Amino acid sequence: MKLLLLRHAIAVPAETSGIADEDRPLTSKGRKRFKKAARGLAAIVSTPDLLLASPLLRARETAEIAGKAWGLKAMPEPLLAGGTPESLLAAVAAHSKLAVVVLVGHEPDLSRLVAHLLGGDGGRLPFKKGGAALVELDDTTSSGRLIWFMPPRLLRTLGGD
């Protein structure tokens, strides 16, 4: 199985008055930039088998944009909003070992998941907003190999104009 880990795009700041954390939407800049990044992702990753998103609004909106680039609908996965790497991997383990699964989530959760899979420190691969990583899991889905790690700027470049 391959996991494509994707951090949500630029959202309204956490300290914005009157907006709860789980209700923070993407900014217009975040939407615009991520549409290009999603085209870049679609250029280098064939249509995934499954697209899972955190239930928080900013991740759902990011997953919707990514899904449009692939012609795929996002499904909610509550574990992407603070779940442990072990619980999240158990949830995706039910899918085919040949599947490509996209996980749209948050920091520091995504860095922790990569660290868990690669056996390293989660602070060494921090995801920028709209950044992505592709990890190939071993047969047990408890460890993996990093195939690539890309910042959003590179994904936008791959997406062109």
Foldseek 3Di string as FASTA:
>chain_A
DKEKEWEFFAWDDCPDPPAHQLAIAHDPVRLVLLLLLLLLVCVPDAQFPAEEFASRHRGQVSSVSNCVSRVHHYDYDNCLEPNALVVVLVVCLVDDLPGYYYYYHHPPRVLRNQCQQAVHDSVVQDADHGWIWMWRHDNVSRHTDTPDTGHSVVSSVSSPD
